N, C-alpha and C. Protein backbone atom coordinates (compact mmCIF):
# COMPACT_ATOMS: atom_id res chain seq x y z
N UNK A 1 84.88 7.73 19.58
CA UNK A 1 83.55 7.68 20.11
C UNK A 1 83.39 6.56 21.12
N UNK A 2 84.10 5.51 20.91
CA UNK A 2 84.03 4.42 21.85
C UNK A 2 84.51 4.89 23.23
N UNK A 3 85.46 5.80 23.22
CA UNK A 3 85.97 6.30 24.49
C UNK A 3 84.95 7.19 25.17
N UNK A 4 84.04 7.88 24.37
CA UNK A 4 83.04 8.77 24.96
C UNK A 4 81.98 7.94 25.68
N UNK A 5 81.56 6.84 25.11
CA UNK A 5 80.56 6.00 25.75
C UNK A 5 81.16 5.26 26.94
N UNK A 6 82.44 5.02 26.88
CA UNK A 6 83.08 4.32 27.98
C UNK A 6 83.17 5.24 29.20
N UNK A 7 83.18 6.53 28.99
CA UNK A 7 83.29 7.47 30.09
C UNK A 7 81.98 7.63 30.86
N UNK A 8 80.79 7.34 30.22
CA UNK A 8 79.51 7.49 30.90
C UNK A 8 79.31 6.33 31.87
N UNK A 9 78.89 6.70 33.04
CA UNK A 9 78.64 5.65 34.01
C UNK A 9 77.17 5.25 33.93
N UNK A 10 76.82 4.15 34.55
CA UNK A 10 75.46 3.65 34.56
C UNK A 10 74.53 4.64 35.24
N UNK A 11 74.96 5.28 36.27
CA UNK A 11 74.14 6.28 36.96
C UNK A 11 73.86 7.46 36.05
N UNK A 12 74.83 7.87 35.31
CA UNK A 12 74.65 9.00 34.41
C UNK A 12 73.63 8.65 33.31
N UNK A 13 73.69 7.43 32.79
CA UNK A 13 72.74 6.99 31.76
C UNK A 13 71.34 6.97 32.35
N UNK A 14 71.21 6.48 33.61
CA UNK A 14 69.90 6.44 34.26
C UNK A 14 69.34 7.85 34.44
N UNK A 15 70.16 8.76 34.87
CA UNK A 15 69.73 10.14 35.06
C UNK A 15 69.30 10.76 33.72
N UNK A 16 70.05 10.47 32.68
CA UNK A 16 69.72 11.01 31.35
C UNK A 16 68.39 10.43 30.86
N UNK A 17 68.17 9.16 31.08
CA UNK A 17 66.92 8.51 30.67
C UNK A 17 65.76 9.09 31.44
N UNK A 18 65.94 9.30 32.78
CA UNK A 18 64.86 9.89 33.58
C UNK A 18 64.56 11.30 33.10
N UNK A 19 65.61 12.08 32.82
CA UNK A 19 65.43 13.43 32.36
C UNK A 19 64.66 13.42 31.02
N UNK A 20 65.05 12.54 30.11
CA UNK A 20 64.37 12.43 28.81
C UNK A 20 62.93 11.98 29.00
N UNK A 21 62.71 11.06 29.94
CA UNK A 21 61.35 10.59 30.22
C UNK A 21 60.50 11.75 30.72
N UNK A 22 61.01 12.55 31.62
CA UNK A 22 60.29 13.70 32.15
C UNK A 22 59.98 14.71 31.05
N UNK A 23 60.97 14.99 30.19
CA UNK A 23 60.76 15.93 29.08
C UNK A 23 59.72 15.37 28.11
N UNK A 24 59.76 14.06 27.86
CA UNK A 24 58.78 13.43 26.97
C UNK A 24 57.37 13.53 27.53
N UNK A 25 57.23 13.29 28.85
CA UNK A 25 55.91 13.39 29.48
C UNK A 25 55.38 14.81 29.41
N UNK A 26 56.29 15.80 29.66
CA UNK A 26 55.87 17.19 29.56
C UNK A 26 55.44 17.53 28.12
N UNK A 27 56.17 17.01 27.16
CA UNK A 27 55.83 17.26 25.75
C UNK A 27 54.48 16.64 25.40
N UNK A 28 54.23 15.44 25.88
CA UNK A 28 52.95 14.77 25.62
C UNK A 28 51.83 15.54 26.30
N UNK A 29 52.07 16.02 27.53
CA UNK A 29 51.05 16.82 28.22
C UNK A 29 50.76 18.09 27.42
N UNK A 30 51.78 18.74 26.88
CA UNK A 30 51.60 19.96 26.11
C UNK A 30 50.81 19.66 24.82
N UNK A 31 51.11 18.54 24.16
CA UNK A 31 50.39 18.16 22.94
C UNK A 31 48.92 17.89 23.25
N UNK A 32 48.67 17.18 24.36
CA UNK A 32 47.29 16.91 24.77
C UNK A 32 46.55 18.21 25.06
N UNK A 33 47.20 19.10 25.76
CA UNK A 33 46.58 20.38 26.11
C UNK A 33 46.28 21.19 24.83
N UNK A 34 47.24 21.23 23.91
CA UNK A 34 47.02 21.95 22.65
C UNK A 34 45.89 21.33 21.85
N UNK A 35 45.82 19.99 21.85
CA UNK A 35 44.75 19.30 21.10
C UNK A 35 43.40 19.62 21.71
N UNK A 36 43.33 19.64 23.07
CA UNK A 36 42.07 20.00 23.73
C UNK A 36 41.66 21.42 23.39
N UNK A 37 42.62 22.31 23.44
CA UNK A 37 42.32 23.72 23.12
C UNK A 37 41.82 23.86 21.68
N UNK A 38 42.47 23.17 20.75
CA UNK A 38 42.04 23.22 19.35
C UNK A 38 40.64 22.64 19.19
N UNK A 39 40.39 21.52 19.85
CA UNK A 39 39.06 20.90 19.76
C UNK A 39 38.00 21.80 20.34
N UNK A 40 38.31 22.46 21.48
CA UNK A 40 37.34 23.36 22.10
C UNK A 40 37.06 24.57 21.20
N UNK A 41 38.09 25.07 20.54
CA UNK A 41 37.89 26.21 19.63
C UNK A 41 37.14 25.78 18.39
N UNK A 42 37.34 24.56 17.94
CA UNK A 42 36.70 24.07 16.71
C UNK A 42 35.24 23.70 16.93
N UNK A 43 34.89 23.32 18.14
CA UNK A 43 33.52 22.89 18.42
C UNK A 43 32.49 23.96 18.09
N UNK A 44 32.62 25.19 18.53
CA UNK A 44 31.61 26.19 18.17
C UNK A 44 31.57 26.43 16.66
N UNK A 45 32.70 26.34 15.99
CA UNK A 45 32.72 26.57 14.56
C UNK A 45 32.12 25.41 13.79
N UNK A 46 32.30 24.21 14.27
CA UNK A 46 31.81 23.02 13.58
C UNK A 46 30.30 23.03 13.42
N UNK A 47 29.50 23.26 14.46
CA UNK A 47 28.05 23.31 14.26
C UNK A 47 27.64 24.42 13.28
N UNK A 48 28.37 25.55 13.32
CA UNK A 48 28.06 26.61 12.36
C UNK A 48 28.30 26.13 10.94
N UNK A 49 29.39 25.41 10.73
CA UNK A 49 29.70 24.89 9.40
C UNK A 49 28.68 23.84 8.98
N UNK A 50 28.29 23.00 9.91
CA UNK A 50 27.29 21.98 9.61
C UNK A 50 25.97 22.64 9.26
N UNK A 51 25.58 23.65 10.03
CA UNK A 51 24.33 24.37 9.76
C UNK A 51 24.40 25.07 8.39
N UNK A 52 25.54 25.66 8.09
CA UNK A 52 25.72 26.32 6.79
C UNK A 52 25.63 25.30 5.66
N UNK A 53 26.24 24.15 5.84
CA UNK A 53 26.15 23.09 4.82
C UNK A 53 24.72 22.60 4.66
N UNK A 54 24.00 22.44 5.78
CA UNK A 54 22.61 22.01 5.71
C UNK A 54 21.77 23.04 4.97
N UNK A 55 21.99 24.31 5.29
CA UNK A 55 21.24 25.39 4.63
C UNK A 55 21.54 25.41 3.13
N UNK A 56 22.80 25.28 2.79
CA UNK A 56 23.18 25.27 1.37
C UNK A 56 22.59 24.06 0.65
N UNK A 57 22.59 22.91 1.34
CA UNK A 57 22.03 21.70 0.75
C UNK A 57 20.54 21.86 0.51
N UNK A 58 19.84 22.41 1.49
CA UNK A 58 18.39 22.64 1.33
C UNK A 58 18.12 23.62 0.19
N UNK A 59 18.91 24.69 0.11
CA UNK A 59 18.74 25.67 -0.97
C UNK A 59 18.98 25.01 -2.33
N UNK A 60 20.03 24.22 -2.41
CA UNK A 60 20.35 23.53 -3.66
C UNK A 60 19.22 22.57 -4.05
N UNK A 61 18.71 21.83 -3.06
CA UNK A 61 17.61 20.88 -3.34
C UNK A 61 16.36 21.64 -3.79
N UNK A 62 16.08 22.78 -3.15
CA UNK A 62 14.91 23.60 -3.52
C UNK A 62 15.06 24.11 -4.97
N UNK A 63 16.25 24.58 -5.30
CA UNK A 63 16.49 25.06 -6.67
C UNK A 63 16.32 23.93 -7.68
N UNK A 64 16.82 22.75 -7.33
CA UNK A 64 16.67 21.60 -8.23
C UNK A 64 15.20 21.27 -8.45
N UNK A 65 14.42 21.28 -7.34
CA UNK A 65 12.98 21.01 -7.47
C UNK A 65 12.31 22.06 -8.34
N UNK A 66 12.67 23.33 -8.10
CA UNK A 66 12.06 24.41 -8.89
C UNK A 66 12.38 24.27 -10.36
N UNK A 67 13.57 23.85 -10.68
CA UNK A 67 13.94 23.66 -12.09
C UNK A 67 13.35 22.38 -12.67
N UNK A 68 13.22 21.37 -11.83
CA UNK A 68 12.75 20.07 -12.33
C UNK A 68 11.25 20.05 -12.55
N UNK A 69 10.48 20.78 -11.75
CA UNK A 69 9.02 20.74 -11.87
C UNK A 69 8.54 21.19 -13.25
N UNK A 70 9.00 22.34 -13.79
CA UNK A 70 8.55 22.72 -15.14
C UNK A 70 8.97 21.70 -16.19
N UNK A 71 10.17 21.17 -16.04
CA UNK A 71 10.62 20.16 -17.00
C UNK A 71 9.75 18.91 -16.92
N UNK A 72 9.39 18.53 -15.72
CA UNK A 72 8.53 17.37 -15.53
C UNK A 72 7.17 17.61 -16.16
N UNK A 73 6.59 18.80 -15.92
CA UNK A 73 5.30 19.12 -16.53
C UNK A 73 5.40 19.12 -18.05
N UNK A 74 6.48 19.67 -18.58
CA UNK A 74 6.66 19.71 -20.04
C UNK A 74 6.78 18.30 -20.61
N UNK A 75 7.53 17.45 -19.91
CA UNK A 75 7.67 16.07 -20.37
C UNK A 75 6.34 15.33 -20.35
N UNK A 76 5.55 15.56 -19.30
CA UNK A 76 4.23 14.92 -19.23
C UNK A 76 3.33 15.41 -20.35
N UNK A 77 3.38 16.72 -20.64
CA UNK A 77 2.56 17.27 -21.72
C UNK A 77 2.98 16.67 -23.06
N UNK A 78 4.28 16.59 -23.29
CA UNK A 78 4.78 15.99 -24.54
C UNK A 78 4.38 14.54 -24.64
N UNK A 79 4.43 13.84 -23.51
CA UNK A 79 4.03 12.43 -23.51
C UNK A 79 2.56 12.30 -23.92
N UNK A 80 1.71 13.16 -23.34
CA UNK A 80 0.29 13.11 -23.69
C UNK A 80 0.07 13.42 -25.17
N UNK A 81 0.81 14.39 -25.70
CA UNK A 81 0.69 14.72 -27.12
C UNK A 81 1.09 13.54 -27.98
N UNK A 82 2.20 12.89 -27.62
CA UNK A 82 2.67 11.74 -28.39
C UNK A 82 1.65 10.59 -28.33
N UNK A 83 1.09 10.35 -27.16
CA UNK A 83 0.10 9.28 -27.03
C UNK A 83 -1.12 9.59 -27.89
N UNK A 84 -1.59 10.85 -27.85
CA UNK A 84 -2.74 11.23 -28.67
C UNK A 84 -2.43 11.07 -30.16
N UNK A 85 -1.24 11.50 -30.57
CA UNK A 85 -0.86 11.38 -31.97
C UNK A 85 -0.80 9.91 -32.40
N UNK A 86 -0.21 9.07 -31.55
CA UNK A 86 -0.12 7.65 -31.87
C UNK A 86 -1.51 7.01 -31.93
N UNK A 87 -2.41 7.43 -31.05
CA UNK A 87 -3.77 6.90 -31.08
C UNK A 87 -4.48 7.31 -32.38
N UNK A 88 -4.30 8.58 -32.78
CA UNK A 88 -4.93 9.04 -34.05
C UNK A 88 -4.38 8.24 -35.23
N UNK A 89 -3.07 8.08 -35.26
CA UNK A 89 -2.47 7.32 -36.36
C UNK A 89 -2.93 5.87 -36.35
N UNK A 90 -3.04 5.28 -35.19
CA UNK A 90 -3.51 3.89 -35.09
C UNK A 90 -4.95 3.78 -35.60
N UNK A 91 -5.78 4.78 -35.24
CA UNK A 91 -7.17 4.75 -35.74
C UNK A 91 -7.20 4.87 -37.26
N UNK A 92 -6.35 5.76 -37.82
CA UNK A 92 -6.31 5.91 -39.28
C UNK A 92 -5.88 4.61 -39.96
N UNK A 93 -4.86 3.98 -39.41
CA UNK A 93 -4.39 2.72 -39.98
C UNK A 93 -5.49 1.66 -39.88
N UNK A 94 -6.16 1.61 -38.73
CA UNK A 94 -7.23 0.63 -38.56
C UNK A 94 -8.38 0.91 -39.54
N UNK A 95 -8.72 2.20 -39.71
CA UNK A 95 -9.79 2.55 -40.67
C UNK A 95 -9.40 2.15 -42.08
N UNK A 96 -8.17 2.44 -42.46
CA UNK A 96 -7.70 2.07 -43.82
C UNK A 96 -7.73 0.55 -44.00
N UNK A 97 -7.27 -0.16 -42.98
CA UNK A 97 -7.26 -1.62 -43.07
C UNK A 97 -8.68 -2.16 -43.19
N UNK A 98 -9.59 -1.58 -42.41
CA UNK A 98 -10.98 -2.02 -42.46
C UNK A 98 -11.57 -1.74 -43.84
N UNK A 99 -11.30 -0.56 -44.37
CA UNK A 99 -11.82 -0.23 -45.71
C UNK A 99 -11.23 -1.16 -46.76
N UNK A 100 -9.92 -1.41 -46.63
CA UNK A 100 -9.28 -2.29 -47.61
C UNK A 100 -9.88 -3.69 -47.53
N UNK A 101 -10.00 -4.19 -46.29
CA UNK A 101 -10.57 -5.52 -46.13
C UNK A 101 -12.03 -5.54 -46.57
N UNK A 102 -12.75 -4.49 -46.24
CA UNK A 102 -14.15 -4.41 -46.67
C UNK A 102 -14.26 -4.37 -48.18
N UNK A 103 -13.40 -3.60 -48.84
CA UNK A 103 -13.41 -3.53 -50.31
C UNK A 103 -13.04 -4.89 -50.89
N UNK A 104 -12.05 -5.54 -50.29
CA UNK A 104 -11.65 -6.85 -50.77
C UNK A 104 -12.78 -7.85 -50.58
N UNK A 105 -13.46 -7.78 -49.46
CA UNK A 105 -14.58 -8.70 -49.22
C UNK A 105 -15.73 -8.42 -50.18
N UNK A 106 -16.01 -7.14 -50.43
CA UNK A 106 -17.08 -6.79 -51.37
C UNK A 106 -16.74 -7.28 -52.76
N UNK A 107 -15.47 -7.13 -53.15
CA UNK A 107 -15.06 -7.61 -54.47
C UNK A 107 -15.18 -9.12 -54.55
N UNK A 108 -14.78 -9.79 -53.48
CA UNK A 108 -14.87 -11.26 -53.46
C UNK A 108 -16.33 -11.71 -53.51
N UNK A 109 -17.21 -11.02 -52.78
CA UNK A 109 -18.64 -11.35 -52.81
C UNK A 109 -19.18 -11.15 -54.22
N UNK A 110 -18.79 -10.05 -54.86
CA UNK A 110 -19.25 -9.78 -56.24
C UNK A 110 -18.76 -10.89 -57.17
N UNK A 111 -17.50 -11.30 -57.02
CA UNK A 111 -16.94 -12.37 -57.85
C UNK A 111 -17.68 -13.68 -57.62
N UNK A 112 -17.93 -13.99 -56.35
CA UNK A 112 -18.67 -15.21 -56.04
C UNK A 112 -20.09 -15.14 -56.61
N UNK A 113 -20.68 -13.95 -56.56
CA UNK A 113 -22.02 -13.78 -57.15
C UNK A 113 -22.01 -14.07 -58.64
N UNK A 114 -21.00 -13.61 -59.35
CA UNK A 114 -20.89 -13.90 -60.79
C UNK A 114 -20.73 -15.40 -61.02
N UNK A 115 -19.90 -16.04 -60.16
CA UNK A 115 -19.72 -17.48 -60.30
C UNK A 115 -21.04 -18.21 -60.08
N UNK A 116 -21.79 -17.80 -59.05
CA UNK A 116 -23.08 -18.43 -58.77
C UNK A 116 -24.03 -18.23 -59.96
N UNK A 117 -24.02 -17.03 -60.51
CA UNK A 117 -24.88 -16.76 -61.67
C UNK A 117 -24.48 -17.66 -62.82
N UNK A 118 -23.18 -17.78 -63.05
CA UNK A 118 -22.70 -18.66 -64.12
C UNK A 118 -23.11 -20.10 -63.87
N UNK A 119 -22.95 -20.53 -62.61
CA UNK A 119 -23.34 -21.91 -62.28
C UNK A 119 -24.84 -22.11 -62.43
N UNK A 120 -25.62 -21.12 -62.07
CA UNK A 120 -27.08 -21.20 -62.22
C UNK A 120 -27.44 -21.35 -63.69
N UNK A 121 -26.80 -20.58 -64.53
CA UNK A 121 -27.06 -20.68 -65.98
C UNK A 121 -26.67 -22.06 -66.50
N UNK A 122 -25.55 -22.58 -66.04
CA UNK A 122 -25.12 -23.92 -66.49
C UNK A 122 -26.09 -24.99 -66.02
N UNK A 123 -26.55 -24.84 -64.74
CA UNK A 123 -27.53 -25.81 -64.21
C UNK A 123 -28.80 -25.75 -65.04
N UNK A 124 -29.26 -24.54 -65.37
CA UNK A 124 -30.48 -24.39 -66.18
C UNK A 124 -30.28 -25.02 -67.55
N UNK A 125 -29.10 -24.83 -68.13
CA UNK A 125 -28.81 -25.43 -69.44
C UNK A 125 -28.80 -26.94 -69.34
N UNK A 126 -28.18 -27.45 -68.24
CA UNK A 126 -28.16 -28.90 -68.05
C UNK A 126 -29.58 -29.44 -67.84
N UNK A 127 -30.42 -28.70 -67.12
CA UNK A 127 -31.81 -29.13 -66.94
C UNK A 127 -32.52 -29.19 -68.29
N UNK A 128 -32.29 -28.22 -69.17
CA UNK A 128 -32.92 -28.24 -70.51
C UNK A 128 -32.42 -29.45 -71.30
N UNK A 129 -31.11 -29.69 -71.22
CA UNK A 129 -30.57 -30.84 -71.96
C UNK A 129 -31.13 -32.14 -71.43
N UNK A 130 -31.23 -32.23 -70.08
CA UNK A 130 -31.79 -33.45 -69.48
C UNK A 130 -33.26 -33.60 -69.89
N UNK A 131 -33.98 -32.48 -69.86
CA UNK A 131 -35.40 -32.54 -70.26
C UNK A 131 -35.50 -32.97 -71.72
N UNK A 132 -34.62 -32.44 -72.56
CA UNK A 132 -34.66 -32.80 -73.98
C UNK A 132 -34.29 -34.27 -74.15
N UNK A 133 -33.28 -34.72 -73.43
CA UNK A 133 -32.88 -36.12 -73.52
C UNK A 133 -33.98 -37.03 -72.99
N UNK A 134 -34.59 -36.61 -71.90
CA UNK A 134 -35.68 -37.40 -71.34
C UNK A 134 -36.81 -37.51 -72.35
N UNK A 135 -37.12 -36.42 -72.99
CA UNK A 135 -38.19 -36.40 -73.99
C UNK A 135 -37.81 -37.32 -75.16
N UNK A 136 -36.58 -37.26 -75.60
CA UNK A 136 -36.10 -38.08 -76.71
C UNK A 136 -36.15 -39.55 -76.34
N UNK A 137 -35.75 -39.87 -75.09
CA UNK A 137 -35.76 -41.27 -74.65
C UNK A 137 -37.20 -41.77 -74.58
N UNK A 138 -38.14 -40.95 -74.14
CA UNK A 138 -39.54 -41.36 -74.09
C UNK A 138 -40.07 -41.61 -75.50
N UNK A 139 -39.70 -40.75 -76.43
CA UNK A 139 -40.17 -40.92 -77.82
C UNK A 139 -39.61 -42.22 -78.38
N UNK A 140 -38.37 -42.50 -78.10
CA UNK A 140 -37.77 -43.71 -78.62
C UNK A 140 -38.44 -44.93 -77.98
N UNK A 141 -38.79 -44.83 -76.70
CA UNK A 141 -39.44 -45.94 -76.03
C UNK A 141 -40.84 -46.14 -76.59
N UNK A 142 -41.50 -45.04 -76.90
CA UNK A 142 -42.87 -45.14 -77.46
C UNK A 142 -42.78 -45.73 -78.88
N UNK A 143 -41.79 -45.34 -79.63
CA UNK A 143 -41.66 -45.86 -81.00
C UNK A 143 -41.25 -47.33 -80.93
N UNK A 144 -40.49 -47.68 -80.01
CA UNK A 144 -40.06 -49.06 -79.90
C UNK A 144 -41.18 -49.93 -79.35
N UNK A 145 -42.10 -49.38 -78.72
CA UNK A 145 -43.17 -50.16 -78.14
C UNK A 145 -44.27 -50.30 -79.09
């Protein structure tokens, strides 16, 4: 092989390089031309595909809205039912608590009333004892005088 390269002259190498350069430029021109042709053919199809995608997207969004609206209304109705139920239960609990507290207060008032009655009776008894003692002390003072 060394002998094959030794046989090529500098002029022959230059001619081969020029020939390869020319073939390369022609190949690049052909690739550019093919790319332009493909792009030109794809351009009319591309807007059609974009329009089809937009149409499909709008249809899909419309279907989603149509399906979501009844679900949304149902969820709102259920929410209202739950709120009403919770309000009723809260009122019942509040009524029970009020009745319980009211009953407890009434019982406490009744108990305090009994205590007051008991204390009134004791005060009356003490007043009688004081009156009796006062009378006894006066008699003793009169006898001593």
